Amino acid sequence: MTDKQKQLLAENLRLQKEIERISLRNQLTIPKSIADEFDQIYEDTEEYQTNVAQMFSSMQPYFVLESYPEILHWLEDDVKNTNVVLAYLAGKSLGVDLVKVVEG
């Protein structure tokens, strides 16, 4: 392998790592404790298979859980979090992981 090929290979590896880093930074995430609660609500809701947005809007009766203050605080902390929850639930409905569940 020539020096030029080694340089190109090293640059390619560096660029791949940079892409990976940027991708992880832009990944949608939801705390595991919040995801667990929404998983339970999702499983207990009959409409979950048809319309995630409708299911989310009718979740209020389910928020009698002990964790309601934590969920409410997380949803109100950033207006985007409601969209993250909808993406999380839509991913569950579609059978794909659109939102990464993280500790915290």
PDB file of N, CA and C in Angstrom:
ATOM      1  N   MET A   1       0.846  -1.172   0.000  1.00  0.00           N
ATOM      2  CA  MET A   1       0.000   0.000   0.000  1.00  0.00           C
ATOM      3  C   MET A   1       0.897   1.242   0.000  1.00  0.00           C
ATOM      4  N   THR A   2       0.602   2.163  -0.876  1.00  0.00           N
ATOM      5  CA  THR A   2       1.418   3.378  -0.982  1.00  0.00           C
ATOM      6  C   THR A   2       1.074   4.351   0.142  1.00  0.00           C
ATOM      7  N   ASP A   3       1.941   5.337   0.328  1.00  0.00           N
ATOM      8  CA  ASP A   3       1.693   6.357   1.348  1.00  0.00           C
ATOM      9  C   ASP A   3       0.402   7.120   1.055  1.00  0.00           C
ATOM     10  N   LYS A   4       0.169   7.397  -0.211  1.00  0.00           N
ATOM     11  CA  LYS A   4      -1.051   8.125  -0.607  1.00  0.00           C
ATOM     12  C   LYS A   4      -2.286   7.310  -0.250  1.00  0.00           C
ATOM     13  N   GLN A   5      -2.263   6.001  -0.500  1.00  0.00           N
ATOM     14  CA  GLN A   5      -3.390   5.128  -0.175  1.00  0.00           C
ATOM     15  C   GLN A   5      -3.599   5.081   1.339  1.00  0.00           C
ATOM     16  N   LYS A   6      -2.506   5.046   2.097  1.00  0.00           N
ATOM     17  CA  LYS A   6      -2.617   5.039   3.558  1.00  0.00           C
ATOM     18  C   LYS A   6      -3.241   6.339   4.056  1.00  0.00           C
ATOM     19  N   GLN A   7      -2.829   7.443   3.440  1.00  0.00           N
ATOM     20  CA  GLN A   7      -3.392   8.744   3.822  1.00  0.00           C
ATOM     21  C   GLN A   7      -4.890   8.799   3.507  1.00  0.00           C
ATOM     22  N   LEU A   8      -5.251   8.326   2.336  1.00  0.00           N
ATOM     23  CA  LEU A   8      -6.661   8.315   1.950  1.00  0.00           C
ATOM     24  C   LEU A   8      -7.479   7.409   2.864  1.00  0.00           C
ATOM     25  N   LEU A   9      -6.933   6.267   3.223  1.00  0.00           N
ATOM     26  CA  LEU A   9      -7.610   5.341   4.118  1.00  0.00           C
ATOM     27  C   LEU A   9      -7.797   5.968   5.499  1.00  0.00           C
ATOM     28  N   ALA A  10      -6.765   6.629   5.997  1.00  0.00           N
ATOM     29  CA  ALA A  10      -6.847   7.294   7.299  1.00  0.00           C
ATOM     30  C   ALA A  10      -7.876   8.428   7.264  1.00  0.00           C
ATOM     31  N   GLU A  11      -7.897   9.192   6.192  1.00  0.00           N
ATOM     32  CA  GLU A  11      -8.868  10.289   6.045  1.00  0.00           C
ATOM     33  C   GLU A  11     -10.282   9.738   5.952  1.00  0.00           C
ATOM     34  N   ASN A  12     -10.445   8.640   5.235  1.00  0.00           N
ATOM     35  CA  ASN A  12     -11.750   8.004   5.116  1.00  0.00           C
ATOM     36  C   ASN A  12     -12.248   7.561   6.487  1.00  0.00           C
ATOM     37  N   LEU A  13     -11.390   6.946   7.275  1.00  0.00           N
ATOM     38  CA  LEU A  13     -11.743   6.496   8.620  1.00  0.00           C
ATOM     39  C   LEU A  13     -12.112   7.685   9.504  1.00  0.00           C
ATOM     40  N   ARG A  14     -11.335   8.754   9.419  1.00  0.00           N
ATOM     41  CA  ARG A  14     -11.628   9.961  10.202  1.00  0.00           C
ATOM     42  C   ARG A  14     -12.995  10.533   9.842  1.00  0.00           C
ATOM     43  N   LEU A  15     -13.296  10.589   8.547  1.00  0.00           N
ATOM     44  CA  LEU A  15     -14.583  11.117   8.096  1.00  0.00           C
ATOM     45  C   LEU A  15     -15.747  10.226   8.539  1.00  0.00           C
ATOM     46  N   GLN A  16     -15.558   8.909   8.498  1.00  0.00           N
ATOM     47  CA  GLN A  16     -16.597   7.991   8.961  1.00  0.00           C
ATOM     48  C   GLN A  16     -16.893   8.205  10.447  1.00  0.00           C
ATOM     49  N   LYS A  17     -15.856   8.394  11.254  1.00  0.00           N
ATOM     50  CA  LYS A  17     -16.043   8.643  12.686  1.00  0.00           C
ATOM     51  C   LYS A  17     -16.754   9.968  12.916  1.00  0.00           C
ATOM     52  N   GLU A  18     -16.427  10.972  12.126  1.00  0.00           N
ATOM     53  CA  GLU A  18     -17.079  12.274  12.249  1.00  0.00           C
ATOM     54  C   GLU A  18     -18.563  12.167  11.883  1.00  0.00           C
ATOM     55  N   ILE A  19     -18.877  11.431  10.838  1.00  0.00           N
ATOM     56  CA  ILE A  19     -20.282  11.220  10.445  1.00  0.00           C
ATOM     57  C   ILE A  19     -21.038  10.504  11.556  1.00  0.00           C
ATOM     58  N   GLU A  20     -20.402   9.489  12.140  1.00  0.00           N
ATOM     59  CA  GLU A  20     -21.005   8.753  13.247  1.00  0.00           C
ATOM     60  C   GLU A  20     -21.284   9.676  14.426  1.00  0.00           C
ATOM     61  N   ARG A  21     -20.329  10.526  14.763  1.00  0.00           N
ATOM     62  CA  ARG A  21     -20.476  11.459  15.876  1.00  0.00           C
ATOM     63  C   ARG A  21     -21.621  12.439  15.628  1.00  0.00           C
ATOM     64  N   ILE A  22     -21.697  12.964  14.425  1.00  0.00           N
ATOM     65  CA  ILE A  22     -22.763  13.908  14.080  1.00  0.00           C
ATOM     66  C   ILE A  22     -24.115  13.209  14.094  1.00  0.00           C
ATOM     67  N   SER A  23     -24.170  11.991  13.588  1.00  0.00           N
ATOM     68  CA  SER A  23     -25.418  11.237  13.575  1.00  0.00           C
ATOM     69  C   SER A  23     -25.936  10.985  14.981  1.00  0.00           C
ATOM     70  N   LEU A  24     -25.043  10.628  15.896  1.00  0.00           N
ATOM     71  CA  LEU A  24     -25.449  10.386  17.279  1.00  0.00           C
ATOM     72  C   LEU A  24     -25.933  11.664  17.943  1.00  0.00           C
ATOM     73  N   ARG A  25     -25.295  12.773  17.621  1.00  0.00           N
ATOM     74  CA  ARG A  25     -25.696  14.052  18.212  1.00  0.00           C
ATOM     75  C   ARG A  25     -27.092  14.451  17.745  1.00  0.00           C
ATOM     76  N   ASN A  26     -27.452  14.094  16.532  1.00  0.00           N
ATOM     77  CA  ASN A  26     -28.742  14.466  15.979  1.00  0.00           C
ATOM     78  C   ASN A  26     -29.819  13.403  16.213  1.00  0.00           C
ATOM     79  N   GLN A  27     -29.499  12.349  16.937  1.00  0.00           N
ATOM     80  CA  GLN A  27     -30.434  11.268  17.223  1.00  0.00           C
ATOM     81  C   GLN A  27     -31.503  11.757  18.197  1.00  0.00           C
ATOM     82  N   LEU A  28     -32.754  11.478  17.896  1.00  0.00           N
ATOM     83  CA  LEU A  28     -33.818  11.770  18.842  1.00  0.00           C
ATOM     84  C   LEU A  28     -33.715  10.796  20.000  1.00  0.00           C
ATOM     85  N   THR A  29     -33.861  11.304  21.226  1.00  0.00           N
ATOM     86  CA  THR A  29     -33.775  10.448  22.401  1.00  0.00           C
ATOM     87  C   THR A  29     -34.940  10.715  23.343  1.00  0.00           C
ATOM     88  N   ILE A  30     -35.262   9.686  24.137  1.00  0.00           N
ATOM     89  CA  ILE A  30     -36.283   9.797  25.164  1.00  0.00           C
ATOM     90  C   ILE A  30     -35.763   9.053  26.394  1.00  0.00           C
ATOM     91  N   PRO A  31     -35.939   9.638  27.586  1.00  0.00           N
ATOM     92  CA  PRO A  31     -35.484   8.945  28.790  1.00  0.00           C
ATOM     93  C   PRO A  31     -36.228   7.614  28.971  1.00  0.00           C
ATOM     94  N   LYS A  32     -35.535   6.607  29.458  1.00  0.00           N
ATOM     95  CA  LYS A  32     -36.116   5.284  29.640  1.00  0.00           C
ATOM     96  C   LYS A  32     -37.344   5.327  30.548  1.00  0.00           C
ATOM     97  N   SER A  33     -37.277   6.111  31.625  1.00  0.00           N
ATOM     98  CA  SER A  33     -38.415   6.179  32.553  1.00  0.00           C
ATOM     99  C   SER A  33     -39.669   6.714  31.860  1.00  0.00           C
ATOM    100  N   ILE A  34     -39.505   7.693  30.988  1.00  0.00           N
ATOM    101  CA  ILE A  34     -40.637   8.258  30.240  1.00  0.00           C
ATOM    102  C   ILE A  34     -41.108   7.243  29.195  1.00  0.00           C
ATOM    103  N   ALA A  35     -40.176   6.635  28.484  1.00  0.00           N
ATOM    104  CA  ALA A  35     -40.526   5.643  27.462  1.00  0.00           C
ATOM    105  C   ALA A  35     -41.301   4.481  28.081  1.00  0.00           C
ATOM    106  N   ASP A  36     -40.874   4.030  29.265  1.00  0.00           N
ATOM    107  CA  ASP A  36     -41.572   2.922  29.926  1.00  0.00           C
ATOM    108  C   ASP A  36     -43.033   3.263  30.202  1.00  0.00           C
ATOM    109  N   GLU A  37     -43.277   4.481  30.663  1.00  0.00           N
ATOM    110  CA  GLU A  37     -44.664   4.895  30.947  1.00  0.00           C
ATOM    111  C   GLU A  37     -45.489   4.959  29.661  1.00  0.00           C
ATOM    112  N   PHE A  38     -44.904   5.531  28.613  1.00  0.00           N
ATOM    113  CA  PHE A  38     -45.637   5.608  27.351  1.00  0.00           C
ATOM    114  C   PHE A  38     -45.827   4.227  26.729  1.00  0.00           C
ATOM    115  N   ASP A  39     -44.874   3.330  26.955  1.00  0.00           N
ATOM    116  CA  ASP A  39     -45.049   1.944  26.493  1.00  0.00           C
ATOM    117  C   ASP A  39     -46.273   1.320  27.141  1.00  0.00           C
ATOM    118  N   GLN A  40     -46.412   1.536  28.450  1.00  0.00           N
ATOM    119  CA  GLN A  40     -47.558   0.966  29.167  1.00  0.00           C
ATOM    120  C   GLN A  40     -48.870   1.557  28.651  1.00  0.00           C
ATOM    121  N   ILE A  41     -48.881   2.859  28.468  1.00  0.00           N
ATOM    122  CA  ILE A  41     -50.089   3.509  27.947  1.00  0.00           C
ATOM    123  C   ILE A  41     -50.384   2.997  26.544  1.00  0.00           C
ATOM    124  N   TYR A  42     -49.347   2.875  25.731  1.00  0.00           N
ATOM    125  CA  TYR A  42     -49.490   2.383  24.353  1.00  0.00           C
ATOM    126  C   TYR A  42     -50.122   0.994  24.346  1.00  0.00           C
ATOM    127  N   GLU A  43     -49.626   0.129  25.212  1.00  0.00           N
ATOM    128  CA  GLU A  43     -50.138  -1.245  25.263  1.00  0.00           C
ATOM    129  C   GLU A  43     -51.571  -1.305  25.787  1.00  0.00           C
ATOM    130  N   ASP A  44     -51.933  -0.366  26.658  1.00  0.00           N
ATOM    131  CA  ASP A  44     -53.266  -0.372  27.260  1.00  0.00           C
ATOM    132  C   ASP A  44     -54.315   0.351  26.419  1.00  0.00           C
ATOM    133  N   THR A  45     -53.896   0.988  25.354  1.00  0.00           N
ATOM    134  CA  THR A  45     -54.810   1.788  24.535  1.00  0.00           C
ATOM    135  C   THR A  45     -55.247   1.000  23.315  1.00  0.00           C
ATOM    136  N   GLU A  46     -56.547   0.876  23.131  1.00  0.00           N
ATOM    137  CA  GLU A  46     -57.067   0.096  22.009  1.00  0.00           C
ATOM    138  C   GLU A  46     -56.757   0.729  20.659  1.00  0.00           C
ATOM    139  N   GLU A  47     -56.712   2.053  20.590  1.00  0.00           N
ATOM    140  CA  GLU A  47     -56.523   2.740  19.314  1.00  0.00           C
ATOM    141  C   GLU A  47     -55.083   2.737  18.834  1.00  0.00           C
ATOM    142  N   TYR A  48     -54.159   2.160  19.608  1.00  0.00           N
ATOM    143  CA  TYR A  48     -52.740   2.304  19.280  1.00  0.00           C
ATOM    144  C   TYR A  48     -52.386   1.792  17.896  1.00  0.00           C
ATOM    145  N   GLN A  49     -53.160   0.891  17.370  1.00  0.00           N
ATOM    146  CA  GLN A  49     -52.811   0.332  16.073  1.00  0.00           C
ATOM    147  C   GLN A  49     -53.257   1.210  14.913  1.00  0.00           C
ATOM    148  N   THR A  50     -54.117   2.163  15.167  1.00  0.00           N
ATOM    149  CA  THR A  50     -54.663   2.924  14.051  1.00  0.00           C
ATOM    150  C   THR A  50     -54.158   4.355  13.942  1.00  0.00           C
ATOM    151  N   ASN A  51     -54.102   5.088  15.052  1.00  0.00           N
ATOM    152  CA  ASN A  51     -53.771   6.501  14.949  1.00  0.00           C
ATOM    153  C   ASN A  51     -53.038   6.959  16.204  1.00  0.00           C
ATOM    154  N   VAL A  52     -51.736   7.065  16.120  1.00  0.00           N
ATOM    155  CA  VAL A  52     -50.908   7.426  17.270  1.00  0.00           C
ATOM    156  C   VAL A  52     -51.240   8.831  17.761  1.00  0.00           C
ATOM    157  N   ALA A  53     -51.451   9.783  16.867  1.00  0.00           N
ATOM    158  CA  ALA A  53     -51.762  11.155  17.276  1.00  0.00           C
ATOM    159  C   ALA A  53     -53.080  11.196  18.055  1.00  0.00           C
ATOM    160  N   GLN A  54     -54.054  10.460  17.599  1.00  0.00           N
ATOM    161  CA  GLN A  54     -55.338  10.410  18.307  1.00  0.00           C
ATOM    162  C   GLN A  54     -55.151   9.756  19.676  1.00  0.00           C
ATOM    163  N   MET A  55     -54.366   8.689  19.718  1.00  0.00           N
ATOM    164  CA  MET A  55     -54.100   8.018  20.979  1.00  0.00           C
ATOM    165  C   MET A  55     -53.420   8.971  21.958  1.00  0.00           C
ATOM    166  N   PHE A  56     -52.425   9.713  21.487  1.00  0.00           N
ATOM    167  CA  PHE A  56     -51.699  10.638  22.350  1.00  0.00           C
ATOM    168  C   PHE A  56     -52.626  11.716  22.895  1.00  0.00           C
ATOM    169  N   SER A  57     -53.500  12.234  22.054  1.00  0.00           N
ATOM    170  CA  SER A  57     -54.398  13.295  22.510  1.00  0.00           C
ATOM    171  C   SER A  57     -55.432  12.784  23.511  1.00  0.00           C
ATOM    172  N   SER A  58     -55.691  11.485  23.520  1.00  0.00           N
ATOM    173  CA  SER A  58     -56.678  10.932  24.465  1.00  0.00           C
ATOM    174  C   SER A  58     -56.013  10.261  25.664  1.00  0.00           C
ATOM    175  N   MET A  59     -54.728  10.528  25.894  1.00  0.00           N
ATOM    176  CA  MET A  59     -53.997   9.891  26.986  1.00  0.00           C
ATOM    177  C   MET A  59     -54.280  10.502  28.353  1.00  0.00           C
ATOM    178  N   GLN A  60     -54.878  11.629  28.436  1.00  0.00           N
ATOM    179  CA  GLN A  60     -55.041  12.317  29.710  1.00  0.00           C
ATOM    180  C   GLN A  60     -55.563  11.411  30.823  1.00  0.00           C
ATOM    181  N   PRO A  61     -56.553  10.552  30.582  1.00  0.00           N
ATOM    182  CA  PRO A  61     -57.020   9.684  31.672  1.00  0.00           C
ATOM    183  C   PRO A  61     -55.939   8.748  32.210  1.00  0.00           C
ATOM    184  N   TYR A  62     -54.934   8.461  31.399  1.00  0.00           N
ATOM    185  CA  TYR A  62     -53.880   7.555  31.836  1.00  0.00           C
ATOM    186  C   TYR A  62     -52.868   8.236  32.739  1.00  0.00           C
ATOM    187  N   PHE A  63     -52.872   9.544  32.764  1.00  0.00           N
ATOM    188  CA  PHE A  63     -51.881  10.264  33.544  1.00  0.00           C
ATOM    189  C   PHE A  63     -52.278  10.385  35.012  1.00  0.00           C
ATOM    190  N   VAL A  64     -52.686   9.284  35.581  1.00  0.00           N
ATOM    191  CA  VAL A  64     -52.922   9.211  37.020  1.00  0.00           C
ATOM    192  C   VAL A  64     -51.808   8.373  37.644  1.00  0.00           C
ATOM    193  N   LEU A  65     -50.794   8.120  36.872  1.00  0.00           N
ATOM    194  CA  LEU A  65     -49.659   7.322  37.299  1.00  0.00           C
ATOM    195  C   LEU A  65     -48.828   8.097  38.314  1.00  0.00           C
ATOM    196  N   GLU A  66     -48.073   7.376  39.122  1.00  0.00           N
ATOM    197  CA  GLU A  66     -47.175   8.023  40.072  1.00  0.00           C
ATOM    198  C   GLU A  66     -46.164   8.918  39.362  1.00  0.00           C
ATOM    199  N   SER A  67     -45.824   8.534  38.156  1.00  0.00           N
ATOM    200  CA  SER A  67     -44.801   9.283  37.424  1.00  0.00           C
ATOM    201  C   SER A  67     -45.375  10.469  36.649  1.00  0.00           C
ATOM    202  N   TYR A  68     -46.662  10.767  36.824  1.00  0.00           N
ATOM    203  CA  TYR A  68     -47.264  11.875  36.072  1.00  0.00           C
ATOM    204  C   TYR A  68     -46.465  13.172  36.195  1.00  0.00           C
ATOM    205  N   PRO A  69     -46.041  13.580  37.410  1.00  0.00           N
ATOM    206  CA  PRO A  69     -45.271  14.834  37.491  1.00  0.00           C
ATOM    207  C   PRO A  69     -43.996  14.798  36.651  1.00  0.00           C
ATOM    208  N   GLU A  70     -43.313  13.652  36.628  1.00  0.00           N
ATOM    209  CA  GLU A  70     -42.087  13.535  35.830  1.00  0.00           C
ATOM    210  C   GLU A  70     -42.405  13.647  34.337  1.00  0.00           C
ATOM    211  N   ILE A  71     -43.465  12.974  33.899  1.00  0.00           N
ATOM    212  CA  ILE A  71     -43.869  13.030  32.489  1.00  0.00           C
ATOM    213  C   ILE A  71     -44.259  14.450  32.112  1.00  0.00           C
ATOM    214  N   LEU A  72     -45.089  15.071  32.942  1.00  0.00           N
ATOM    215  CA  LEU A  72     -45.547  16.431  32.660  1.00  0.00           C
ATOM    216  C   LEU A  72     -44.369  17.391  32.602  1.00  0.00           C
ATOM    217  N   HIS A  73     -43.455  17.278  33.566  1.00  0.00           N
ATOM    218  CA  HIS A  73     -42.283  18.161  33.565  1.00  0.00           C
ATOM    219  C   HIS A  73     -41.459  17.960  32.301  1.00  0.00           C
ATOM    220  N   TRP A  74     -41.256  16.708  31.898  1.00  0.00           N
ATOM    221  CA  TRP A  74     -40.469  16.424  30.696  1.00  0.00           C
ATOM    222  C   TRP A  74     -41.153  16.973  29.453  1.00  0.00           C
ATOM    223  N   LEU A  75     -42.474  16.813  29.360  1.00  0.00           N
ATOM    224  CA  LEU A  75     -43.200  17.325  28.192  1.00  0.00           C
ATOM    225  C   LEU A  75     -43.177  18.850  28.149  1.00  0.00           C
ATOM    226  N   GLU A  76     -43.284  19.489  29.313  1.00  0.00           N
ATOM    227  CA  GLU A  76     -43.309  20.949  29.355  1.00  0.00           C
ATOM    228  C   GLU A  76     -41.913  21.572  29.287  1.00  0.00           C
ATOM    229  N   ASP A  77     -40.880  20.776  29.558  1.00  0.00           N
ATOM    230  CA  ASP A  77     -39.510  21.276  29.565  1.00  0.00           C
ATOM    231  C   ASP A  77     -39.091  21.794  28.186  1.00  0.00           C
ATOM    232  N   ASP A  78     -39.547  21.134  27.144  1.00  0.00           N
ATOM    233  CA  ASP A  78     -39.195  21.529  25.778  1.00  0.00           C
ATOM    234  C   ASP A  78     -40.376  21.169  24.885  1.00  0.00           C
ATOM    235  N   VAL A  79     -40.861  22.122  24.135  1.00  0.00           N
ATOM    236  CA  VAL A  79     -42.022  21.889  23.285  1.00  0.00           C
ATOM    237  C   VAL A  79     -41.760  20.756  22.283  1.00  0.00           C
ATOM    238  N   LYS A  80     -40.490  20.516  21.955  1.00  0.00           N
ATOM    239  CA  LYS A  80     -40.147  19.446  21.024  1.00  0.00           C
ATOM    240  C   LYS A  80     -40.393  18.062  21.614  1.00  0.00           C
ATOM    241  N   ASN A  81     -40.423  17.949  22.935  1.00  0.00           N
ATOM    242  CA  ASN A  81     -40.581  16.643  23.559  1.00  0.00           C
ATOM    243  C   ASN A  81     -41.896  15.973  23.200  1.00  0.00           C
ATOM    244  N   THR A  82     -42.950  16.762  22.983  1.00  0.00           N
ATOM    245  CA  THR A  82     -44.219  16.179  22.534  1.00  0.00           C
ATOM    246  C   THR A  82     -44.024  15.513  21.173  1.00  0.00           C
ATOM    247  N   ASN A  83     -43.280  16.166  20.297  1.00  0.00           N
ATOM    248  CA  ASN A  83     -43.000  15.575  18.984  1.00  0.00           C
ATOM    249  C   ASN A  83     -42.130  14.329  19.104  1.00  0.00           C
ATOM    250  N   VAL A  84     -41.207  14.346  20.063  1.00  0.00           N
ATOM    251  CA  VAL A  84     -40.354  13.170  20.292  1.00  0.00           C
ATOM    252  C   VAL A  84     -41.225  11.994  20.722  1.00  0.00           C
ATOM    253  N   VAL A  85     -42.172  12.245  21.629  1.00  0.00           N
ATOM    254  CA  VAL A  85     -43.084  11.181  22.081  1.00  0.00           C
ATOM    255  C   VAL A  85     -43.898  10.660  20.900  1.00  0.00           C
ATOM    256  N   LEU A  86     -44.412  11.558  20.080  1.00  0.00           N
ATOM    257  CA  LEU A  86     -45.192  11.121  18.918  1.00  0.00           C
ATOM    258  C   LEU A  86     -44.332  10.291  17.966  1.00  0.00           C
ATOM    259  N   ALA A  87     -43.084  10.708  17.750  1.00  0.00           N
ATOM    260  CA  ALA A  87     -42.182   9.931  16.884  1.00  0.00           C
ATOM    261  C   ALA A  87     -41.889   8.572  17.519  1.00  0.00           C
ATOM    262  N   TYR A  88     -41.701   8.565  18.844  1.00  0.00           N
ATOM    263  CA  TYR A  88     -41.447   7.308  19.557  1.00  0.00           C
ATOM    264  C   TYR A  88     -42.630   6.349  19.393  1.00  0.00           C
ATOM    265  N   LEU A  89     -43.831   6.861  19.623  1.00  0.00           N
ATOM    266  CA  LEU A  89     -45.028   6.024  19.513  1.00  0.00           C
ATOM    267  C   LEU A  89     -45.297   5.615  18.068  1.00  0.00           C
ATOM    268  N   ALA A  90     -45.043   6.513  17.121  1.00  0.00           N
ATOM    269  CA  ALA A  90     -45.214   6.166  15.704  1.00  0.00           C
ATOM    270  C   ALA A  90     -44.246   5.058  15.319  1.00  0.00           C
ATOM    271  N   GLY A  91     -43.031   5.138  15.807  1.00  0.00           N
ATOM    272  CA  GLY A  91     -42.048   4.090  15.540  1.00  0.00           C
ATOM    273  C   GLY A  91     -42.503   2.749  16.091  1.00  0.00           C
ATOM    274  N   LYS A  92     -43.071   2.773  17.306  1.00  0.00           N
ATOM    275  CA  LYS A  92     -43.599   1.528  17.886  1.00  0.00           C
ATOM    276  C   LYS A  92     -44.700   0.968  16.994  1.00  0.00           C
ATOM    277  N   SER A  93     -45.572   1.842  16.535  1.00  0.00           N
ATOM    278  CA  SER A  93     -46.690   1.423  15.697  1.00  0.00           C
ATOM    279  C   SER A  93     -46.211   0.857  14.360  1.00  0.00           C
ATOM    280  N   LEU A  94     -45.124   1.438  13.835  1.00  0.00           N
ATOM    281  CA  LEU A  94     -44.580   0.995  12.548  1.00  0.00           C
ATOM    282  C   LEU A  94     -43.596  -0.165  12.689  1.00  0.00           C
ATOM    283  N   GLY A  95     -43.161  -0.422  13.913  1.00  0.00           N
ATOM    284  CA  GLY A  95     -42.200  -1.497  14.135  1.00  0.00           C
ATOM    285  C   GLY A  95     -40.762  -1.114  13.837  1.00  0.00           C
ATOM    286  N   VAL A  96     -40.449   0.184  13.955  1.00  0.00           N
ATOM    287  CA  VAL A  96     -39.077   0.658  13.741  1.00  0.00           C
ATOM    288  C   VAL A  96     -38.669   1.558  14.913  1.00  0.00           C
ATOM    289  N   ASP A  97     -37.373   1.709  15.121  1.00  0.00           N
ATOM    290  CA  ASP A  97     -36.874   2.576  16.187  1.00  0.00           C
ATOM    291  C   ASP A  97     -36.542   3.950  15.616  1.00  0.00           C
ATOM    292  N   LEU A  98     -37.450   4.891  15.804  1.00  0.00           N
ATOM    293  CA  LEU A  98     -37.213   6.256  15.345  1.00  0.00           C
ATOM    294  C   LEU A  98     -36.559   7.104  16.430  1.00  0.00           C
ATOM    295  N   VAL A  99     -36.757   6.701  17.688  1.00  0.00           N
ATOM    296  CA  VAL A  99     -36.246   7.451  18.820  1.00  0.00           C
ATOM    297  C   VAL A  99     -35.464   6.489  19.716  1.00  0.00           C
ATOM    298  N   LYS A 100     -34.267   6.902  20.090  1.00  0.00           N
ATOM    299  CA  LYS A 100     -33.421   6.054  20.936  1.00  0.00           C
ATOM    300  C   LYS A 100     -33.810   6.263  22.400  1.00  0.00           C
ATOM    301  N   VAL A 101     -33.985   5.171  23.131  1.00  0.00           N
ATOM    302  CA  VAL A 101     -34.271   5.214  24.560  1.00  0.00           C
ATOM    303  C   VAL A 101     -32.932   5.253  25.298  1.00  0.00           C
ATOM    304  N   VAL A 102     -32.796   6.264  26.187  1.00  0.00           N
ATOM    305  CA  VAL A 102     -31.544   6.440  26.919  1.00  0.00           C
ATOM    306  C   VAL A 102     -31.824   6.479  28.426  1.00  0.00           C
ATOM    307  N   GLU A 103     -30.824   6.116  29.203  1.00  0.00           N
ATOM    308  CA  GLU A 103     -30.945   6.229  30.663  1.00  0.00           C
ATOM    309  C   GLU A 103     -31.005   7.694  31.034  1.00  0.00           C
ATOM    310  N   GLY A 104     -31.753   7.983  32.092  1.00  0.00           N
ATOM    311  CA  GLY A 104     -31.767   9.363  32.551  1.00  0.00           C
ATOM    312  C   GLY A 104     -33.104   9.916  32.826  1.00  0.00           C
TER     313      GLY A 104
END
